[in-house]
N, C-alpha and C. Protein backbone atom coordinates (compact mmCIF):
# COMPACT_ATOMS: atom_id res chain seq x y z
N MET A 1 5.87 13.95 9.22
CA MET A 1 5.84 12.61 8.61
C MET A 1 6.85 11.66 9.34
N THR A 2 6.39 10.52 9.50
CA THR A 2 7.17 9.52 10.10
C THR A 2 8.39 9.21 9.21
N GLU A 3 9.56 8.88 10.02
CA GLU A 3 10.76 8.52 9.19
C GLU A 3 10.50 7.22 8.68
N LEU A 4 10.78 7.18 7.46
CA LEU A 4 10.64 5.64 6.67
C LEU A 4 11.98 5.07 6.42
N SER A 5 12.06 3.83 6.49
CA SER A 5 13.24 3.10 6.05
C SER A 5 13.40 3.28 4.53
N PRO A 6 14.45 2.99 3.88
CA PRO A 6 14.68 3.00 2.55
C PRO A 6 13.66 2.08 1.74
N SER A 7 13.52 0.96 2.33
CA SER A 7 12.46 0.03 1.58
C SER A 7 10.98 0.60 1.84
N GLU A 8 10.76 1.19 2.99
CA GLU A 8 9.36 1.64 3.13
C GLU A 8 9.18 2.92 2.29
N GLN A 9 10.18 3.67 2.05
CA GLN A 9 10.13 4.82 1.18
C GLN A 9 9.84 4.30 -0.19
N ARG A 10 10.39 3.29 -0.65
CA ARG A 10 10.17 2.79 -2.00
C ARG A 10 8.79 2.30 -2.07
N ILE A 11 8.30 1.54 -1.13
CA ILE A 11 6.94 1.10 -1.12
C ILE A 11 5.97 2.33 -1.17
N TYR A 12 6.28 3.36 -0.40
CA TYR A 12 5.44 4.63 -0.38
C TYR A 12 5.38 5.17 -1.95
N GLU A 13 6.64 5.24 -2.51
CA GLU A 13 6.58 5.80 -3.89
C GLU A 13 5.80 5.01 -4.80
N ILE A 14 5.89 3.67 -4.68
CA ILE A 14 5.17 2.82 -5.62
C ILE A 14 3.68 2.89 -5.39
N LEU A 15 3.29 3.09 -4.16
CA LEU A 15 1.90 3.27 -3.73
C LEU A 15 1.32 4.59 -4.38
N SER A 16 2.14 5.59 -4.16
CA SER A 16 1.76 6.89 -4.52
C SER A 16 1.64 6.82 -6.04
N GLU A 17 2.44 6.16 -6.83
CA GLU A 17 2.36 6.20 -8.30
C GLU A 17 1.02 5.37 -8.63
N ILE A 18 0.71 4.33 -7.90
CA ILE A 18 -0.55 3.61 -8.27
C ILE A 18 -1.75 4.56 -8.00
N LEU A 19 -1.69 5.12 -6.86
CA LEU A 19 -2.85 6.08 -6.51
C LEU A 19 -3.10 7.17 -7.52
N VAL A 20 -2.00 7.73 -7.86
CA VAL A 20 -2.12 8.89 -8.85
C VAL A 20 -2.48 8.31 -10.31
N ASN A 21 -1.80 7.19 -10.66
CA ASN A 21 -2.18 6.82 -12.04
C ASN A 21 -3.42 5.89 -12.20
N ASP A 22 -3.72 5.05 -11.27
CA ASP A 22 -4.95 4.13 -11.41
C ASP A 22 -6.12 4.63 -10.67
N PHE A 23 -5.88 5.30 -9.61
CA PHE A 23 -7.15 5.76 -8.85
C PHE A 23 -7.42 7.28 -9.00
N GLU A 24 -6.43 7.95 -9.79
CA GLU A 24 -6.66 9.34 -10.09
C GLU A 24 -6.87 10.26 -8.79
N ILE A 25 -6.02 9.87 -7.79
CA ILE A 25 -5.81 10.64 -6.50
C ILE A 25 -4.78 11.74 -6.94
N PRO A 26 -5.12 12.99 -6.66
CA PRO A 26 -4.20 14.16 -6.79
C PRO A 26 -2.94 13.94 -5.81
N ALA A 27 -1.72 14.02 -6.59
CA ALA A 27 -0.54 13.75 -5.81
C ALA A 27 -0.46 14.62 -4.45
N GLU A 28 -1.08 15.78 -4.50
CA GLU A 28 -0.77 16.72 -3.39
C GLU A 28 -1.72 16.08 -2.11
N LYS A 29 -2.53 15.27 -2.37
CA LYS A 29 -3.47 14.59 -1.36
C LYS A 29 -2.69 13.38 -0.70
N ILE A 30 -1.67 12.97 -1.31
CA ILE A 30 -1.13 11.66 -0.88
C ILE A 30 -0.18 11.87 0.26
N ALA A 31 -0.34 11.24 1.45
CA ALA A 31 0.46 11.41 2.64
C ALA A 31 0.37 10.23 3.51
N LEU A 32 1.15 9.86 4.24
CA LEU A 32 1.09 8.59 5.13
C LEU A 32 -0.11 8.54 6.02
N ASP A 33 -0.52 9.78 6.52
CA ASP A 33 -1.66 9.81 7.43
C ASP A 33 -3.01 9.84 6.69
N ALA A 34 -2.97 9.88 5.41
CA ALA A 34 -4.21 9.99 4.60
C ALA A 34 -5.00 8.60 4.72
N ARG A 35 -6.29 8.80 5.06
CA ARG A 35 -7.07 7.57 5.37
C ARG A 35 -7.69 7.15 4.08
N LEU A 36 -7.60 5.80 3.89
CA LEU A 36 -7.96 5.21 2.59
C LEU A 36 -9.48 5.43 2.03
N TYR A 37 -10.30 5.16 3.14
CA TYR A 37 -11.77 5.50 2.75
C TYR A 37 -12.17 6.88 2.77
N GLU A 38 -11.85 7.59 3.86
CA GLU A 38 -12.37 8.94 3.96
C GLU A 38 -11.61 9.92 3.01
N ASP A 39 -10.26 9.81 2.92
CA ASP A 39 -9.56 10.86 2.03
C ASP A 39 -9.43 10.36 0.59
N PHE A 40 -9.38 9.04 0.35
CA PHE A 40 -9.20 8.65 -1.05
C PHE A 40 -10.40 8.00 -1.64
N ASP A 41 -11.46 7.67 -0.77
CA ASP A 41 -12.71 6.98 -1.30
C ASP A 41 -12.39 5.65 -1.88
N ILE A 42 -11.42 4.94 -1.08
CA ILE A 42 -10.94 3.51 -1.53
C ILE A 42 -11.78 2.54 -0.68
N ASP A 43 -12.45 1.75 -1.35
CA ASP A 43 -13.23 0.81 -0.61
C ASP A 43 -12.53 -0.60 -0.62
N SER A 44 -13.05 -1.58 -0.17
CA SER A 44 -12.42 -2.98 -0.15
C SER A 44 -12.11 -3.53 -1.56
N ILE A 45 -12.99 -3.36 -2.43
CA ILE A 45 -12.77 -3.73 -3.85
C ILE A 45 -11.47 -3.08 -4.36
N ASP A 46 -11.44 -1.71 -4.20
CA ASP A 46 -10.32 -0.84 -4.72
C ASP A 46 -9.06 -1.39 -3.90
N ALA A 47 -9.21 -1.74 -2.63
CA ALA A 47 -7.98 -2.17 -1.98
C ALA A 47 -7.45 -3.38 -2.57
N VAL A 48 -8.19 -4.26 -2.96
CA VAL A 48 -7.80 -5.56 -3.58
C VAL A 48 -7.08 -5.16 -5.01
N ASP A 49 -7.64 -4.26 -5.66
CA ASP A 49 -7.08 -3.79 -6.87
C ASP A 49 -5.68 -3.25 -6.67
N MET A 50 -5.53 -2.46 -5.54
CA MET A 50 -4.28 -2.07 -5.22
C MET A 50 -3.17 -2.99 -4.97
N ILE A 51 -3.66 -4.06 -4.33
CA ILE A 51 -2.82 -5.30 -4.09
C ILE A 51 -2.39 -5.93 -5.46
N VAL A 52 -3.46 -6.09 -6.35
CA VAL A 52 -3.12 -6.59 -7.62
C VAL A 52 -1.99 -5.79 -8.33
N GLN A 53 -2.13 -4.42 -8.27
CA GLN A 53 -1.04 -3.60 -8.78
C GLN A 53 0.33 -3.58 -8.15
N LEU A 54 0.24 -4.08 -6.78
CA LEU A 54 1.57 -4.23 -6.05
C LEU A 54 2.24 -5.62 -6.37
N LYS A 55 1.43 -6.64 -6.88
CA LYS A 55 1.92 -7.94 -7.00
C LYS A 55 3.35 -8.10 -7.77
N PRO A 56 3.54 -7.39 -8.80
CA PRO A 56 4.91 -7.41 -9.49
C PRO A 56 6.10 -6.98 -8.50
N HIS A 57 5.83 -6.33 -7.43
CA HIS A 57 6.73 -5.91 -6.45
C HIS A 57 7.00 -6.71 -5.31
N LEU A 58 6.16 -7.80 -5.25
CA LEU A 58 6.08 -8.60 -4.09
C LEU A 58 6.83 -10.05 -4.24
N GLY A 59 7.31 -10.21 -5.44
CA GLY A 59 7.78 -11.54 -5.71
C GLY A 59 6.82 -12.69 -5.54
N ASN A 60 7.31 -13.74 -4.93
CA ASN A 60 6.29 -14.88 -4.66
C ASN A 60 5.68 -14.79 -3.29
N ARG A 61 5.42 -13.68 -2.83
CA ARG A 61 4.76 -13.47 -1.48
C ARG A 61 3.33 -13.03 -1.70
N ARG A 62 2.44 -13.55 -0.80
CA ARG A 62 1.08 -13.34 -0.89
C ARG A 62 0.78 -12.25 0.24
N VAL A 63 -0.25 -11.39 0.05
CA VAL A 63 -0.91 -10.55 0.93
C VAL A 63 -2.16 -11.20 1.32
N THR A 64 -2.49 -11.55 2.47
CA THR A 64 -3.69 -12.07 3.01
C THR A 64 -4.62 -11.07 3.44
N PRO A 65 -5.99 -11.44 3.36
CA PRO A 65 -7.01 -10.54 3.92
C PRO A 65 -6.71 -10.12 5.38
N GLN A 66 -6.08 -11.07 6.12
CA GLN A 66 -5.68 -10.87 7.51
C GLN A 66 -4.66 -9.76 7.62
N ASP A 67 -3.79 -9.70 6.62
CA ASP A 67 -2.72 -8.66 6.66
C ASP A 67 -3.37 -7.29 6.47
N PHE A 68 -4.46 -7.15 5.94
CA PHE A 68 -5.12 -5.84 5.65
C PHE A 68 -6.07 -5.53 6.73
N LYS A 69 -6.38 -6.47 7.60
CA LYS A 69 -7.48 -6.30 8.60
C LYS A 69 -7.63 -5.08 9.11
N THR A 70 -6.32 -4.36 9.73
CA THR A 70 -6.32 -3.22 10.47
C THR A 70 -5.84 -2.03 9.75
N VAL A 71 -5.75 -2.07 8.45
CA VAL A 71 -5.23 -1.09 7.61
C VAL A 71 -6.26 0.03 7.49
N ARG A 72 -5.99 1.26 7.77
CA ARG A 72 -6.76 2.42 7.77
C ARG A 72 -6.16 3.48 6.90
N THR A 73 -4.85 3.71 7.07
CA THR A 73 -4.17 4.77 6.36
C THR A 73 -3.17 4.25 5.27
N LEU A 74 -2.70 5.18 4.50
CA LEU A 74 -1.64 4.78 3.43
C LEU A 74 -0.35 4.31 4.21
N GLY A 75 -0.06 4.97 5.45
CA GLY A 75 1.06 4.53 6.25
C GLY A 75 0.91 3.13 6.71
N ASP A 76 -0.35 2.69 7.01
CA ASP A 76 -0.66 1.33 7.48
C ASP A 76 -0.30 0.38 6.32
N VAL A 77 -0.80 0.87 5.10
CA VAL A 77 -0.39 0.00 3.92
C VAL A 77 1.13 -0.20 3.65
N VAL A 78 1.78 0.89 3.78
CA VAL A 78 3.23 0.83 3.63
C VAL A 78 3.80 -0.18 4.79
N THR A 79 3.43 -0.07 5.95
CA THR A 79 3.82 -0.99 7.09
C THR A 79 3.58 -2.56 6.75
N VAL A 80 2.34 -2.75 6.22
CA VAL A 80 1.99 -4.07 5.96
C VAL A 80 2.68 -4.68 4.78
N ILE A 81 2.91 -3.82 3.79
CA ILE A 81 3.63 -4.36 2.57
C ILE A 81 5.07 -4.61 3.00
N ALA A 82 5.70 -3.76 3.76
CA ALA A 82 7.03 -3.96 4.26
C ALA A 82 7.20 -5.38 5.09
N ARG A 83 6.14 -5.61 5.83
CA ARG A 83 6.15 -6.85 6.69
C ARG A 83 6.01 -8.04 5.61
N VAL A 84 5.22 -7.89 4.71
CA VAL A 84 4.97 -8.98 3.65
C VAL A 84 6.42 -9.13 2.99
N LEU A 85 6.95 -8.03 2.63
CA LEU A 85 8.34 -8.24 1.92
C LEU A 85 9.53 -8.81 2.77
N ASP A 86 9.25 -8.82 4.12
CA ASP A 86 10.21 -9.41 5.04
C ASP A 86 10.11 -10.87 5.11
N ARG A 87 8.88 -11.44 4.65
CA ARG A 87 8.63 -12.83 4.77
C ARG A 87 9.49 -13.57 3.67
N PRO A 88 9.76 -14.79 3.85
CA PRO A 88 10.40 -15.59 2.82
C PRO A 88 9.52 -15.72 1.55
N GLU A 89 10.08 -15.77 0.48
CA GLU A 89 9.26 -16.03 -0.76
C GLU A 89 8.65 -17.44 -0.73
N GLU A 90 7.40 -17.66 -1.21
CA GLU A 90 6.83 -18.97 -1.33
C GLU A 90 7.23 -19.62 -2.54
N GLU A 91 7.22 -20.92 -2.69
CA GLU A 91 7.63 -21.64 -3.96
C GLU A 91 6.57 -21.92 -4.68
């Protein structure tokens, strides 16, 4: 498993919680290299729902469709959300 920064580790924990509670993914299947579509059966509509679930953790920052264009794995989602959190908050 790739070494995560403390903020990335927190994002991973939040995403894991969402996947277990809202998408009913077994906890033992959750890993950074897990593929969203192939391993979790998460399609684009589900991905939008996941972002909605993350919204309380993003402050006034927006995740754009462009942000998620290359996302394939859970680790990719962690990386994208970490980048979004590095942006200044919008007013």
